[in-house]
Amino acid sequence: MHNVIMASAASTAALTVGLAVYAALIFAGIAVAIYDVRRHRRGRAIAATVMVGMLTLAGLVIAIFSSVA
């Protein structure tokens, strides 16, 4: 038999805000990468692309971990 623990409203709100900030960081990274590619700033574009890739990979790892745990 499994014990179910319900999340409080505060933790649900914090999770929602955290996910929104996480998505905004990915969106901003994509926007910076596109802007810098158009302005021929290769170094900053690569840095923004790496940041987006790392955030996406971290999100995937967290999603897998949370589904297993």
N, C-alpha and C. Protein backbone atom coordinates (compact mmCIF):
# COMPACT_ATOMS: atom_id res chain seq x y z
N MET A 1 0.84 -1.17 0.00
CA MET A 1 0.00 0.00 0.00
C MET A 1 0.89 1.24 0.00
N HIS A 2 0.51 2.22 -0.80
CA HIS A 2 1.29 3.44 -0.92
C HIS A 2 0.68 4.56 -0.09
N ASN A 3 1.56 5.33 0.54
CA ASN A 3 1.12 6.53 1.24
C ASN A 3 1.19 7.70 0.28
N VAL A 4 0.12 8.44 0.17
CA VAL A 4 0.07 9.59 -0.73
C VAL A 4 0.15 10.85 0.09
N ILE A 5 1.09 11.74 -0.28
CA ILE A 5 1.23 13.02 0.40
C ILE A 5 0.82 14.10 -0.57
N MET A 6 -0.16 14.88 -0.21
CA MET A 6 -0.64 15.96 -1.07
C MET A 6 0.27 17.17 -0.93
N ALA A 7 0.52 17.85 -2.02
CA ALA A 7 1.35 19.04 -2.01
C ALA A 7 0.55 20.22 -1.49
N SER A 8 1.24 21.08 -0.76
CA SER A 8 0.57 22.27 -0.26
C SER A 8 0.46 23.30 -1.38
N ALA A 9 -0.37 24.30 -1.16
CA ALA A 9 -0.56 25.34 -2.17
C ALA A 9 0.73 26.13 -2.39
N ALA A 10 1.50 26.35 -1.32
CA ALA A 10 2.74 27.11 -1.45
C ALA A 10 3.76 26.36 -2.29
N SER A 11 3.89 25.06 -2.09
CA SER A 11 4.87 24.31 -2.88
C SER A 11 4.43 24.20 -4.33
N THR A 12 3.14 24.11 -4.56
CA THR A 12 2.64 24.08 -5.93
C THR A 12 2.91 25.41 -6.63
N ALA A 13 2.69 26.51 -5.93
CA ALA A 13 2.96 27.83 -6.51
C ALA A 13 4.45 28.01 -6.78
N ALA A 14 5.29 27.55 -5.86
CA ALA A 14 6.74 27.67 -6.05
C ALA A 14 7.19 26.84 -7.25
N LEU A 15 6.64 25.66 -7.41
CA LEU A 15 6.98 24.83 -8.56
C LEU A 15 6.54 25.49 -9.86
N THR A 16 5.37 26.09 -9.87
CA THR A 16 4.88 26.77 -11.06
C THR A 16 5.76 27.95 -11.42
N VAL A 17 6.15 28.74 -10.44
CA VAL A 17 7.03 29.89 -10.69
C VAL A 17 8.40 29.40 -11.17
N GLY A 18 8.91 28.35 -10.56
CA GLY A 18 10.19 27.80 -10.98
C GLY A 18 10.18 27.31 -12.41
N LEU A 19 9.12 26.63 -12.80
CA LEU A 19 9.01 26.15 -14.18
C LEU A 19 8.89 27.31 -15.16
N ALA A 20 8.17 28.35 -14.77
CA ALA A 20 8.04 29.52 -15.64
C ALA A 20 9.39 30.22 -15.82
N VAL A 21 10.15 30.35 -14.75
CA VAL A 21 11.48 30.98 -14.83
C VAL A 21 12.41 30.11 -15.68
N TYR A 22 12.34 28.80 -15.51
CA TYR A 22 13.15 27.87 -16.28
C TYR A 22 12.85 28.00 -17.78
N ALA A 23 11.57 28.02 -18.13
CA ALA A 23 11.19 28.17 -19.53
C ALA A 23 11.61 29.53 -20.07
N ALA A 24 11.51 30.58 -19.24
CA ALA A 24 11.92 31.91 -19.67
C ALA A 24 13.43 31.97 -19.93
N LEU A 25 14.22 31.27 -19.11
CA LEU A 25 15.67 31.24 -19.34
C LEU A 25 16.00 30.56 -20.66
N ILE A 26 15.32 29.47 -20.96
CA ILE A 26 15.56 28.79 -22.24
C ILE A 26 15.14 29.70 -23.40
N PHE A 27 13.98 30.33 -23.28
CA PHE A 27 13.50 31.22 -24.34
C PHE A 27 14.45 32.40 -24.53
N ALA A 28 14.93 32.98 -23.44
CA ALA A 28 15.86 34.11 -23.54
C ALA A 28 17.18 33.66 -24.17
N GLY A 29 17.63 32.48 -23.83
CA GLY A 29 18.87 31.97 -24.43
C GLY A 29 18.74 31.78 -25.93
N ILE A 30 17.60 31.26 -26.36
CA ILE A 30 17.35 31.11 -27.80
C ILE A 30 17.31 32.47 -28.48
N ALA A 31 16.65 33.44 -27.85
CA ALA A 31 16.56 34.78 -28.42
C ALA A 31 17.93 35.43 -28.53
N VAL A 32 18.76 35.28 -27.50
CA VAL A 32 20.11 35.86 -27.53
C VAL A 32 20.94 35.19 -28.63
N ALA A 33 20.81 33.87 -28.74
CA ALA A 33 21.58 33.15 -29.77
C ALA A 33 21.19 33.62 -31.17
N ILE A 34 19.90 33.76 -31.42
CA ILE A 34 19.45 34.22 -32.74
C ILE A 34 19.92 35.65 -33.00
N TYR A 35 19.80 36.51 -32.00
CA TYR A 35 20.23 37.90 -32.15
C TYR A 35 21.72 37.97 -32.47
N ASP A 36 22.52 37.20 -31.73
CA ASP A 36 23.96 37.26 -31.93
C ASP A 36 24.39 36.63 -33.25
N VAL A 37 23.69 35.61 -33.71
CA VAL A 37 24.01 35.04 -35.02
C VAL A 37 23.74 36.08 -36.11
N ARG A 38 22.65 36.79 -35.99
CA ARG A 38 22.34 37.81 -37.00
C ARG A 38 23.33 38.97 -36.98
N ARG A 39 23.92 39.24 -35.81
CA ARG A 39 24.90 40.33 -35.69
C ARG A 39 26.33 39.84 -35.88
N HIS A 40 26.49 38.57 -36.25
CA HIS A 40 27.79 37.96 -36.50
C HIS A 40 28.70 37.97 -35.26
N ARG A 41 28.11 37.75 -34.12
CA ARG A 41 28.86 37.63 -32.86
C ARG A 41 28.91 36.14 -32.52
N ARG A 42 29.88 35.49 -33.07
CA ARG A 42 29.93 34.04 -33.01
C ARG A 42 30.13 33.51 -31.58
N GLY A 43 31.01 34.14 -30.83
CA GLY A 43 31.31 33.67 -29.47
C GLY A 43 30.10 33.71 -28.56
N ARG A 44 29.39 34.83 -28.58
CA ARG A 44 28.19 34.95 -27.73
C ARG A 44 27.08 34.02 -28.20
N ALA A 45 26.98 33.81 -29.49
CA ALA A 45 25.95 32.91 -30.01
C ALA A 45 26.23 31.48 -29.57
N ILE A 46 27.49 31.08 -29.61
CA ILE A 46 27.85 29.73 -29.16
C ILE A 46 27.60 29.59 -27.67
N ALA A 47 27.95 30.61 -26.89
CA ALA A 47 27.72 30.56 -25.44
C ALA A 47 26.24 30.45 -25.13
N ALA A 48 25.40 31.20 -25.82
CA ALA A 48 23.96 31.13 -25.58
C ALA A 48 23.41 29.78 -25.99
N THR A 49 23.92 29.23 -27.09
CA THR A 49 23.46 27.92 -27.53
C THR A 49 23.86 26.83 -26.54
N VAL A 50 25.07 26.92 -26.01
CA VAL A 50 25.51 25.95 -25.00
C VAL A 50 24.65 26.07 -23.75
N MET A 51 24.33 27.30 -23.35
CA MET A 51 23.47 27.49 -22.18
C MET A 51 22.10 26.84 -22.39
N VAL A 52 21.52 27.04 -23.56
CA VAL A 52 20.22 26.44 -23.86
C VAL A 52 20.32 24.92 -23.84
N GLY A 53 21.38 24.40 -24.42
CA GLY A 53 21.57 22.95 -24.42
C GLY A 53 21.72 22.37 -23.02
N MET A 54 22.48 23.06 -22.18
CA MET A 54 22.67 22.59 -20.80
C MET A 54 21.37 22.67 -20.01
N LEU A 55 20.60 23.74 -20.18
CA LEU A 55 19.32 23.85 -19.49
C LEU A 55 18.35 22.76 -19.95
N THR A 56 18.35 22.49 -21.24
CA THR A 56 17.47 21.46 -21.76
C THR A 56 17.88 20.09 -21.24
N LEU A 57 19.17 19.80 -21.24
CA LEU A 57 19.66 18.53 -20.72
C LEU A 57 19.36 18.38 -19.24
N ALA A 58 19.55 19.46 -18.48
CA ALA A 58 19.25 19.42 -17.05
C ALA A 58 17.76 19.17 -16.82
N GLY A 59 16.92 19.79 -17.62
CA GLY A 59 15.48 19.55 -17.50
C GLY A 59 15.10 18.13 -17.80
N LEU A 60 15.75 17.53 -18.79
CA LEU A 60 15.49 16.14 -19.14
C LEU A 60 15.91 15.21 -18.01
N VAL A 61 17.08 15.46 -17.43
CA VAL A 61 17.56 14.63 -16.33
C VAL A 61 16.64 14.76 -15.12
N ILE A 62 16.21 15.96 -14.81
CA ILE A 62 15.31 16.16 -13.68
C ILE A 62 13.96 15.49 -13.93
N ALA A 63 13.47 15.56 -15.16
CA ALA A 63 12.19 14.92 -15.49
C ALA A 63 12.28 13.41 -15.34
N ILE A 64 13.39 12.83 -15.80
CA ILE A 64 13.57 11.37 -15.66
C ILE A 64 13.70 11.00 -14.19
N PHE A 65 14.49 11.77 -13.45
CA PHE A 65 14.66 11.49 -12.03
C PHE A 65 13.34 11.59 -11.26
N SER A 66 12.55 12.61 -11.56
CA SER A 66 11.30 12.79 -10.83
C SER A 66 10.28 11.72 -11.18
N SER A 67 10.35 11.16 -12.39
CA SER A 67 9.42 10.10 -12.75
C SER A 67 9.81 8.76 -12.14
N VAL A 68 11.10 8.58 -11.87
CA VAL A 68 11.58 7.33 -11.28
C VAL A 68 11.42 7.35 -9.77
N ALA A 69 11.71 8.48 -9.16
CA ALA A 69 11.68 8.58 -7.68
C ALA A 69 10.28 8.63 -7.14
